Amino acid sequence: MRCKRCGRRGPGTPSEFNGWQMDTKGQTFCPSCRVHCPPPDGHEIEGCGSANVTGPDNEGLYDCDDCGIWFDQENADAATKKAKAE
């Protein structure tokens, strides 16, 4: 498997995919590209910054399993970019 965002090749077996994320469409993301909840620092939507996220659903929204907010791909990309920079 490869990361949908950066193309990084994943480990050989599913049990070795610790830290990788698979969305509801079966797309995989490496630990540095995982979708994150928008952090509480002035984004359009303020969440908690957690990587404990599910989605996207059939409407394209992600759900943070920690704080419960719903957010779209644009907010997910901004939050993921900020998490990668830290």
PDB file of N, CA and C in Angstrom:
ATOM      1  N   MET A   1       0.833  -1.181   0.000  1.00  0.00           N
ATOM      2  CA  MET A   1       0.000   0.000   0.000  1.00  0.00           C
ATOM      3  C   MET A   1       0.875   1.240   0.000  1.00  0.00           C
ATOM      4  N   ARG A   2       0.331   2.298  -0.571  1.00  0.00           N
ATOM      5  CA  ARG A   2       1.030   3.576  -0.612  1.00  0.00           C
ATOM      6  C   ARG A   2       0.149   4.667  -0.008  1.00  0.00           C
ATOM      7  N   CYS A   3       0.807   5.661   0.557  1.00  0.00           N
ATOM      8  CA  CYS A   3       0.098   6.824   1.097  1.00  0.00           C
ATOM      9  C   CYS A   3      -0.536   7.589  -0.055  1.00  0.00           C
ATOM     10  N   LYS A   4      -1.803   7.932   0.095  1.00  0.00           N
ATOM     11  CA  LYS A   4      -2.517   8.660  -0.952  1.00  0.00           C
ATOM     12  C   LYS A   4      -1.929  10.047  -1.183  1.00  0.00           C
ATOM     13  N   ARG A   5      -1.419  10.699  -0.145  1.00  0.00           N
ATOM     14  CA  ARG A   5      -0.912  12.067  -0.290  1.00  0.00           C
ATOM     15  C   ARG A   5       0.527  12.129  -0.788  1.00  0.00           C
ATOM     16  N   CYS A   6       1.427  11.384  -0.159  1.00  0.00           N
ATOM     17  CA  CYS A   6       2.848  11.536  -0.495  1.00  0.00           C
ATOM     18  C   CYS A   6       3.419  10.383  -1.307  1.00  0.00           C
ATOM     19  N   GLY A   7       2.682   9.280  -1.418  1.00  0.00           N
ATOM     20  CA  GLY A   7       3.150   8.139  -2.199  1.00  0.00           C
ATOM     21  C   GLY A   7       4.098   7.208  -1.457  1.00  0.00           C
ATOM     22  N   ARG A   8       4.364   7.506  -0.184  1.00  0.00           N
ATOM     23  CA  ARG A   8       5.264   6.662   0.614  1.00  0.00           C
ATOM     24  C   ARG A   8       4.726   5.242   0.664  1.00  0.00           C
ATOM     25  N   ARG A   9       5.632   4.265   0.466  1.00  0.00           N
ATOM     26  CA  ARG A   9       5.240   2.860   0.516  1.00  0.00           C
ATOM     27  C   ARG A   9       5.135   2.418   1.967  1.00  0.00           C
ATOM     28  N   GLY A  10       4.059   1.712   2.255  1.00  0.00           N
ATOM     29  CA  GLY A  10       3.821   1.225   3.603  1.00  0.00           C
ATOM     30  C   GLY A  10       4.540  -0.080   3.877  1.00  0.00           C
ATOM     31  N   PRO A  11       4.489  -0.544   5.106  1.00  0.00           N
ATOM     32  CA  PRO A  11       5.101  -1.810   5.484  1.00  0.00           C
ATOM     33  C   PRO A  11       4.435  -2.984   4.759  1.00  0.00           C
ATOM     34  N   GLY A  12       5.051  -4.144   4.869  1.00  0.00           N
ATOM     35  CA  GLY A  12       4.598  -5.305   4.119  1.00  0.00           C
ATOM     36  C   GLY A  12       3.284  -5.928   4.547  1.00  0.00           C
ATOM     37  N   THR A  13       3.010  -5.978   5.830  1.00  0.00           N
ATOM     38  CA  THR A  13       1.791  -6.646   6.277  1.00  0.00           C
ATOM     39  C   THR A  13       0.895  -5.672   7.034  1.00  0.00           C
ATOM     40  N   PRO A  14      -0.421  -5.910   7.023  1.00  0.00           N
ATOM     41  CA  PRO A  14      -1.335  -5.010   7.729  1.00  0.00           C
ATOM     42  C   PRO A  14      -1.013  -4.826   9.207  1.00  0.00           C
ATOM     43  N   SER A  15      -0.469  -5.852   9.853  1.00  0.00           N
ATOM     44  CA  SER A  15      -0.152  -5.718  11.278  1.00  0.00           C
ATOM     45  C   SER A  15       0.996  -4.740  11.516  1.00  0.00           C
ATOM     46  N   GLU A  16       1.761  -4.405  10.469  1.00  0.00           N
ATOM     47  CA  GLU A  16       2.875  -3.477  10.596  1.00  0.00           C
ATOM     48  C   GLU A  16       2.472  -2.042  10.281  1.00  0.00           C
ATOM     49  N   PHE A  17       1.208  -1.793   9.987  1.00  0.00           N
ATOM     50  CA  PHE A  17       0.744  -0.471   9.607  1.00  0.00           C
ATOM     51  C   PHE A  17       0.400   0.398  10.813  1.00  0.00           C
ATOM     52  N   ASN A  18       1.117   0.237  11.916  1.00  0.00           N
ATOM     53  CA  ASN A  18       0.888   1.031  13.119  1.00  0.00           C
ATOM     54  C   ASN A  18       1.118   2.506  12.818  1.00  0.00           C
ATOM     55  N   GLY A  19       0.140   3.336  13.102  1.00  0.00           N
ATOM     56  CA  GLY A  19       0.258   4.760  12.853  1.00  0.00           C
ATOM     57  C   GLY A  19      -0.283   5.186  11.498  1.00  0.00           C
ATOM     58  N   TRP A  20      -0.569   4.220  10.622  1.00  0.00           N
ATOM     59  CA  TRP A  20      -1.155   4.545   9.333  1.00  0.00           C
ATOM     60  C   TRP A  20      -2.653   4.682   9.516  1.00  0.00           C
ATOM     61  N   GLN A  21      -3.301   5.387   8.618  1.00  0.00           N
ATOM     62  CA  GLN A  21      -4.738   5.644   8.702  1.00  0.00           C
ATOM     63  C   GLN A  21      -5.394   5.208   7.391  1.00  0.00           C
ATOM     64  N   MET A  22      -6.540   4.534   7.491  1.00  0.00           N
ATOM     65  CA  MET A  22      -7.310   4.192   6.307  1.00  0.00           C
ATOM     66  C   MET A  22      -8.662   4.865   6.419  1.00  0.00           C
ATOM     67  N   ASP A  23      -9.040   5.611   5.379  1.00  0.00           N
ATOM     68  CA  ASP A  23     -10.326   6.298   5.433  1.00  0.00           C
ATOM     69  C   ASP A  23     -11.448   5.371   4.996  1.00  0.00           C
ATOM     70  N   THR A  24     -12.662   5.871   5.007  1.00  0.00           N
ATOM     71  CA  THR A  24     -13.817   5.031   4.699  1.00  0.00           C
ATOM     72  C   THR A  24     -13.879   4.627   3.232  1.00  0.00           C
ATOM     73  N   LYS A  25     -13.047   5.231   2.391  1.00  0.00           N
ATOM     74  CA  LYS A  25     -12.987   4.868   0.978  1.00  0.00           C
ATOM     75  C   LYS A  25     -11.848   3.891   0.705  1.00  0.00           C
ATOM     76  N   GLY A  26     -11.155   3.452   1.751  1.00  0.00           N
ATOM     77  CA  GLY A  26     -10.066   2.496   1.606  1.00  0.00           C
ATOM     78  C   GLY A  26      -8.734   3.123   1.216  1.00  0.00           C
ATOM     79  N   GLN A  27      -8.632   4.443   1.269  1.00  0.00           N
ATOM     80  CA  GLN A  27      -7.382   5.117   0.956  1.00  0.00           C
ATOM     81  C   GLN A  27      -6.524   5.161   2.209  1.00  0.00           C
ATOM     82  N   THR A  28      -5.220   4.931   2.038  1.00  0.00           N
ATOM     83  CA  THR A  28      -4.322   4.900   3.188  1.00  0.00           C
ATOM     84  C   THR A  28      -3.462   6.157   3.238  1.00  0.00           C
ATOM     85  N   PHE A  29      -3.088   6.539   4.476  1.00  0.00           N
ATOM     86  CA  PHE A  29      -2.257   7.710   4.716  1.00  0.00           C
ATOM     87  C   PHE A  29      -1.172   7.330   5.714  1.00  0.00           C
ATOM     88  N   CYS A  30       0.086   7.717   5.413  1.00  0.00           N
ATOM     89  CA  CYS A  30       1.194   7.421   6.319  1.00  0.00           C
ATOM     90  C   CYS A  30       1.069   8.286   7.578  1.00  0.00           C
ATOM     91  N   PRO A  31       1.842   7.987   8.622  1.00  0.00           N
ATOM     92  CA  PRO A  31       1.719   8.755   9.864  1.00  0.00           C
ATOM     93  C   PRO A  31       1.910  10.256   9.692  1.00  0.00           C
ATOM     94  N   SER A  32       2.756  10.701   8.766  1.00  0.00           N
ATOM     95  CA  SER A  32       2.966  12.141   8.606  1.00  0.00           C
ATOM     96  C   SER A  32       1.890  12.807   7.754  1.00  0.00           C
ATOM     97  N   CYS A  33       1.056  12.019   7.077  1.00  0.00           N
ATOM     98  CA  CYS A  33      -0.006  12.583   6.227  1.00  0.00           C
ATOM     99  C   CYS A  33      -1.415  12.290   6.751  1.00  0.00           C
ATOM    100  N   ARG A  34      -1.505  11.700   7.922  1.00  0.00           N
ATOM    101  CA  ARG A  34      -2.820  11.379   8.483  1.00  0.00           C
ATOM    102  C   ARG A  34      -3.702  12.619   8.564  1.00  0.00           C
ATOM    103  N   VAL A  35      -4.983  12.422   8.404  1.00  0.00           N
ATOM    104  CA  VAL A  35      -5.936  13.524   8.527  1.00  0.00           C
ATOM    105  C   VAL A  35      -6.043  13.910  10.002  1.00  0.00           C
ATOM    106  N   HIS A  36      -6.012  15.212  10.277  1.00  0.00           N
ATOM    107  CA  HIS A  36      -6.114  15.733  11.640  1.00  0.00           C
ATOM    108  C   HIS A  36      -7.327  16.637  11.776  1.00  0.00           C
ATOM    109  N   CYS A  37      -7.881  16.656  12.955  1.00  0.00           N
ATOM    110  CA  CYS A  37      -8.936  17.596  13.308  1.00  0.00           C
ATOM    111  C   CYS A  37      -8.316  18.997  13.343  1.00  0.00           C
ATOM    112  N   PRO A  38      -9.020  20.012  12.854  1.00  0.00           N
ATOM    113  CA  PRO A  38      -8.468  21.371  12.911  1.00  0.00           C
ATOM    114  C   PRO A  38      -8.135  21.766  14.360  1.00  0.00           C
ATOM    115  N   PRO A  39      -6.958  22.358  14.582  1.00  0.00           N
ATOM    116  CA  PRO A  39      -6.577  22.748  15.942  1.00  0.00           C
ATOM    117  C   PRO A  39      -7.306  24.005  16.396  1.00  0.00           C
ATOM    118  N   PRO A  40      -7.325  24.247  17.706  1.00  0.00           N
ATOM    119  CA  PRO A  40      -8.024  25.421  18.256  1.00  0.00           C
ATOM    120  C   PRO A  40      -7.190  26.691  18.173  1.00  0.00           C
ATOM    121  N   ASP A  41      -6.829  27.102  16.963  1.00  0.00           N
ATOM    122  CA  ASP A  41      -5.977  28.293  16.853  1.00  0.00           C
ATOM    123  C   ASP A  41      -6.397  29.223  15.717  1.00  0.00           C
ATOM    124  N   GLY A  42      -7.679  29.390  15.543  1.00  0.00           N
ATOM    125  CA  GLY A  42      -8.146  30.381  14.600  1.00  0.00           C
ATOM    126  C   GLY A  42      -8.479  29.883  13.210  1.00  0.00           C
ATOM    127  N   HIS A  43      -8.517  28.585  13.002  1.00  0.00           N
ATOM    128  CA  HIS A  43      -8.982  28.076  11.716  1.00  0.00           C
ATOM    129  C   HIS A  43     -10.460  28.429  11.555  1.00  0.00           C
ATOM    130  N   GLU A  44     -10.961  28.252  10.362  1.00  0.00           N
ATOM    131  CA  GLU A  44     -12.391  28.475  10.112  1.00  0.00           C
ATOM    132  C   GLU A  44     -13.228  27.638  11.078  1.00  0.00           C
ATOM    133  N   ILE A  45     -12.790  26.408  11.309  1.00  0.00           N
ATOM    134  CA  ILE A  45     -13.432  25.523  12.282  1.00  0.00           C
ATOM    135  C   ILE A  45     -12.380  25.190  13.331  1.00  0.00           C
ATOM    136  N   GLU A  46     -12.706  25.347  14.592  1.00  0.00           N
ATOM    137  CA  GLU A  46     -11.758  25.047  15.658  1.00  0.00           C
ATOM    138  C   GLU A  46     -12.104  23.734  16.323  1.00  0.00           C
ATOM    139  N   GLY A  47     -11.176  22.807  16.272  1.00  0.00           N
ATOM    140  CA  GLY A  47     -11.343  21.501  16.889  1.00  0.00           C
ATOM    141  C   GLY A  47     -10.263  21.287  17.923  1.00  0.00           C
ATOM    142  N   CYS A  48      -9.773  20.038  17.999  1.00  0.00           N
ATOM    143  CA  CYS A  48      -8.788  19.702  19.023  1.00  0.00           C
ATOM    144  C   CYS A  48      -7.418  19.326  18.469  1.00  0.00           C
ATOM    145  N   GLY A  49      -7.263  19.179  17.150  1.00  0.00           N
ATOM    146  CA  GLY A  49      -5.980  18.836  16.556  1.00  0.00           C
ATOM    147  C   GLY A  49      -5.655  17.353  16.565  1.00  0.00           C
ATOM    148  N   SER A  50      -6.569  16.523  16.995  1.00  0.00           N
ATOM    149  CA  SER A  50      -6.358  15.083  17.110  1.00  0.00           C
ATOM    150  C   SER A  50      -6.250  14.403  15.738  1.00  0.00           C
ATOM    151  N   ALA A  51      -5.525  13.288  15.687  1.00  0.00           N
ATOM    152  CA  ALA A  51      -5.466  12.452  14.481  1.00  0.00           C
ATOM    153  C   ALA A  51      -6.475  11.311  14.582  1.00  0.00           C
ATOM    154  N   ASN A  52      -7.276  11.296  15.625  1.00  0.00           N
ATOM    155  CA  ASN A  52      -8.299  10.262  15.816  1.00  0.00           C
ATOM    156  C   ASN A  52      -9.548  10.674  15.041  1.00  0.00           C
ATOM    157  N   VAL A  53      -9.485  10.523  13.712  1.00  0.00           N
ATOM    158  CA  VAL A  53     -10.495  11.039  12.800  1.00  0.00           C
ATOM    159  C   VAL A  53     -11.015   9.916  11.911  1.00  0.00           C
ATOM    160  N   THR A  54     -12.313   9.922  11.632  1.00  0.00           N
ATOM    161  CA  THR A  54     -12.896   8.977  10.676  1.00  0.00           C
ATOM    162  C   THR A  54     -13.530   9.752   9.535  1.00  0.00           C
ATOM    163  N   GLY A  55     -13.628   9.094   8.396  1.00  0.00           N
ATOM    164  CA  GLY A  55     -14.246   9.721   7.232  1.00  0.00           C
ATOM    165  C   GLY A  55     -13.332   9.648   6.032  1.00  0.00           C
ATOM    166  N   PRO A  56     -13.693  10.276   4.973  1.00  0.00           N
ATOM    167  CA  PRO A  56     -14.870  11.101   4.808  1.00  0.00           C
ATOM    168  C   PRO A  56     -16.127  10.262   4.620  1.00  0.00           C
ATOM    169  N   ASP A  57     -17.267  10.826   4.993  1.00  0.00           N
ATOM    170  CA  ASP A  57     -18.537  10.138   4.786  1.00  0.00           C
ATOM    171  C   ASP A  57     -19.015  10.400   3.361  1.00  0.00           C
ATOM    172  N   ASN A  58     -20.235   9.996   3.040  1.00  0.00           N
ATOM    173  CA  ASN A  58     -20.748  10.163   1.681  1.00  0.00           C
ATOM    174  C   ASN A  58     -20.957  11.626   1.295  1.00  0.00           C
ATOM    175  N   GLU A  59     -20.915  12.537   2.269  1.00  0.00           N
ATOM    176  CA  GLU A  59     -21.011  13.972   1.983  1.00  0.00           C
ATOM    177  C   GLU A  59     -19.640  14.642   1.981  1.00  0.00           C
ATOM    178  N   GLY A  60     -18.579  13.851   2.172  1.00  0.00           N
ATOM    179  CA  GLY A  60     -17.224  14.394   2.167  1.00  0.00           C
ATOM    180  C   GLY A  60     -16.782  14.997   3.480  1.00  0.00           C
ATOM    181  N   LEU A  61     -17.492  14.706   4.573  1.00  0.00           N
ATOM    182  CA  LEU A  61     -17.145  15.266   5.881  1.00  0.00           C
ATOM    183  C   LEU A  61     -16.395  14.255   6.737  1.00  0.00           C
ATOM    184  N   TYR A  62     -15.438  14.766   7.512  1.00  0.00           N
ATOM    185  CA  TYR A  62     -14.691  13.969   8.483  1.00  0.00           C
ATOM    186  C   TYR A  62     -15.297  14.203   9.858  1.00  0.00           C
ATOM    187  N   ASP A  63     -15.134  13.230  10.752  1.00  0.00           N
ATOM    188  CA  ASP A  63     -15.641  13.316  12.118  1.00  0.00           C
ATOM    189  C   ASP A  63     -14.482  13.079  13.076  1.00  0.00           C
ATOM    190  N   CYS A  64     -14.263  14.025  13.977  1.00  0.00           N
ATOM    191  CA  CYS A  64     -13.240  13.837  14.999  1.00  0.00           C
ATOM    192  C   CYS A  64     -13.833  12.978  16.110  1.00  0.00           C
ATOM    193  N   ASP A  65     -13.186  11.852  16.375  1.00  0.00           N
ATOM    194  CA  ASP A  65     -13.678  10.944  17.413  1.00  0.00           C
ATOM    195  C   ASP A  65     -13.354  11.441  18.818  1.00  0.00           C
ATOM    196  N   ASP A  66     -12.517  12.475  18.930  1.00  0.00           N
ATOM    197  CA  ASP A  66     -12.186  13.018  20.250  1.00  0.00           C
ATOM    198  C   ASP A  66     -13.101  14.178  20.653  1.00  0.00           C
ATOM    199  N   CYS A  67     -13.258  15.175  19.775  1.00  0.00           N
ATOM    200  CA  CYS A  67     -14.078  16.333  20.165  1.00  0.00           C
ATOM    201  C   CYS A  67     -15.452  16.351  19.484  1.00  0.00           C
ATOM    202  N   GLY A  68     -15.655  15.508  18.474  1.00  0.00           N
ATOM    203  CA  GLY A  68     -16.978  15.349  17.886  1.00  0.00           C
ATOM    204  C   GLY A  68     -17.355  16.304  16.768  1.00  0.00           C
ATOM    205  N   ILE A  69     -16.444  17.204  16.350  1.00  0.00           N
ATOM    206  CA  ILE A  69     -16.829  18.114  15.278  1.00  0.00           C
ATOM    207  C   ILE A  69     -16.749  17.423  13.915  1.00  0.00           C
ATOM    208  N   TRP A  70     -17.486  17.968  12.963  1.00  0.00           N
ATOM    209  CA  TRP A  70     -17.452  17.521  11.575  1.00  0.00           C
ATOM    210  C   TRP A  70     -16.748  18.609  10.780  1.00  0.00           C
ATOM    211  N   PHE A  71     -15.911  18.225   9.806  1.00  0.00           N
ATOM    212  CA  PHE A  71     -15.208  19.213   9.000  1.00  0.00           C
ATOM    213  C   PHE A  71     -14.957  18.651   7.611  1.00  0.00           C
ATOM    214  N   ASP A  72     -14.742  19.564   6.654  1.00  0.00           N
ATOM    215  CA  ASP A  72     -14.586  19.166   5.260  1.00  0.00           C
ATOM    216  C   ASP A  72     -13.115  18.982   4.879  1.00  0.00           C
ATOM    217  N   GLN A  73     -12.874  18.625   3.611  1.00  0.00           N
ATOM    218  CA  GLN A  73     -11.525  18.347   3.142  1.00  0.00           C
ATOM    219  C   GLN A  73     -10.617  19.569   3.241  1.00  0.00           C
ATOM    220  N   GLU A  74     -11.141  20.751   2.968  1.00  0.00           N
ATOM    221  CA  GLU A  74     -10.331  21.972   3.041  1.00  0.00           C
ATOM    222  C   GLU A  74      -9.780  22.171   4.453  1.00  0.00           C
ATOM    223  N   ASN A  75     -10.625  22.005   5.457  1.00  0.00           N
ATOM    224  CA  ASN A  75     -10.175  22.146   6.853  1.00  0.00           C
ATOM    225  C   ASN A  75      -9.268  20.995   7.253  1.00  0.00           C
ATOM    226  N   ALA A  76      -9.525  19.806   6.730  1.00  0.00           N
ATOM    227  CA  ALA A  76      -8.668  18.652   7.015  1.00  0.00           C
ATOM    228  C   ALA A  76      -7.271  18.892   6.458  1.00  0.00           C
ATOM    229  N   ASP A  77      -7.181  19.417   5.228  1.00  0.00           N
ATOM    230  CA  ASP A  77      -5.873  19.677   4.615  1.00  0.00           C
ATOM    231  C   ASP A  77      -5.086  20.714   5.394  1.00  0.00           C
ATOM    232  N   ALA A  78      -5.757  21.797   5.828  1.00  0.00           N
ATOM    233  CA  ALA A  78      -5.080  22.840   6.603  1.00  0.00           C
ATOM    234  C   ALA A  78      -4.571  22.293   7.933  1.00  0.00           C
ATOM    235  N   ALA A  79      -5.385  21.476   8.590  1.00  0.00           N
ATOM    236  CA  ALA A  79      -4.992  20.909   9.881  1.00  0.00           C
ATOM    237  C   ALA A  79      -3.843  19.911   9.717  1.00  0.00           C
ATOM    238  N   THR A  80      -3.897  19.099   8.651  1.00  0.00           N
ATOM    239  CA  THR A  80      -2.845  18.111   8.406  1.00  0.00           C
ATOM    240  C   THR A  80      -1.534  18.813   8.079  1.00  0.00           C
ATOM    241  N   LYS A  81      -1.584  19.872   7.289  1.00  0.00           N
ATOM    242  CA  LYS A  81      -0.383  20.635   6.937  1.00  0.00           C
ATOM    243  C   LYS A  81       0.237  21.235   8.192  1.00  0.00           C
ATOM    244  N   LYS A  82      -0.587  21.765   9.102  1.00  0.00           N
ATOM    245  CA  LYS A  82      -0.079  22.354  10.346  1.00  0.00           C
ATOM    246  C   LYS A  82       0.547  21.260  11.222  1.00  0.00           C
ATOM    247  N   ALA A  83      -0.080  20.087  11.298  1.00  0.00           N
ATOM    248  CA  ALA A  83       0.448  18.990  12.124  1.00  0.00           C
ATOM    249  C   ALA A  83       1.785  18.493  11.578  1.00  0.00           C
ATOM    250  N   LYS A  84       1.948  18.470  10.245  1.00  0.00           N
ATOM    251  CA  LYS A  84       3.209  18.031   9.652  1.00  0.00           C
ATOM    252  C   LYS A  84       4.338  19.014   9.946  1.00  0.00           C
ATOM    253  N   ALA A  85       4.001  20.310  10.053  1.00  0.00           N
ATOM    254  CA  ALA A  85       5.008  21.340  10.296  1.00  0.00           C
ATOM    255  C   ALA A  85       5.520  21.312  11.731  1.00  0.00           C
ATOM    256  N   GLU A  86       4.747  20.761  12.637  1.00  0.00           N
ATOM    257  CA  GLU A  86       5.144  20.765  14.066  1.00  0.00           C
ATOM    258  C   GLU A  86       6.055  19.641  14.408  1.00  0.00           C
TER     259      GLU A  86
END
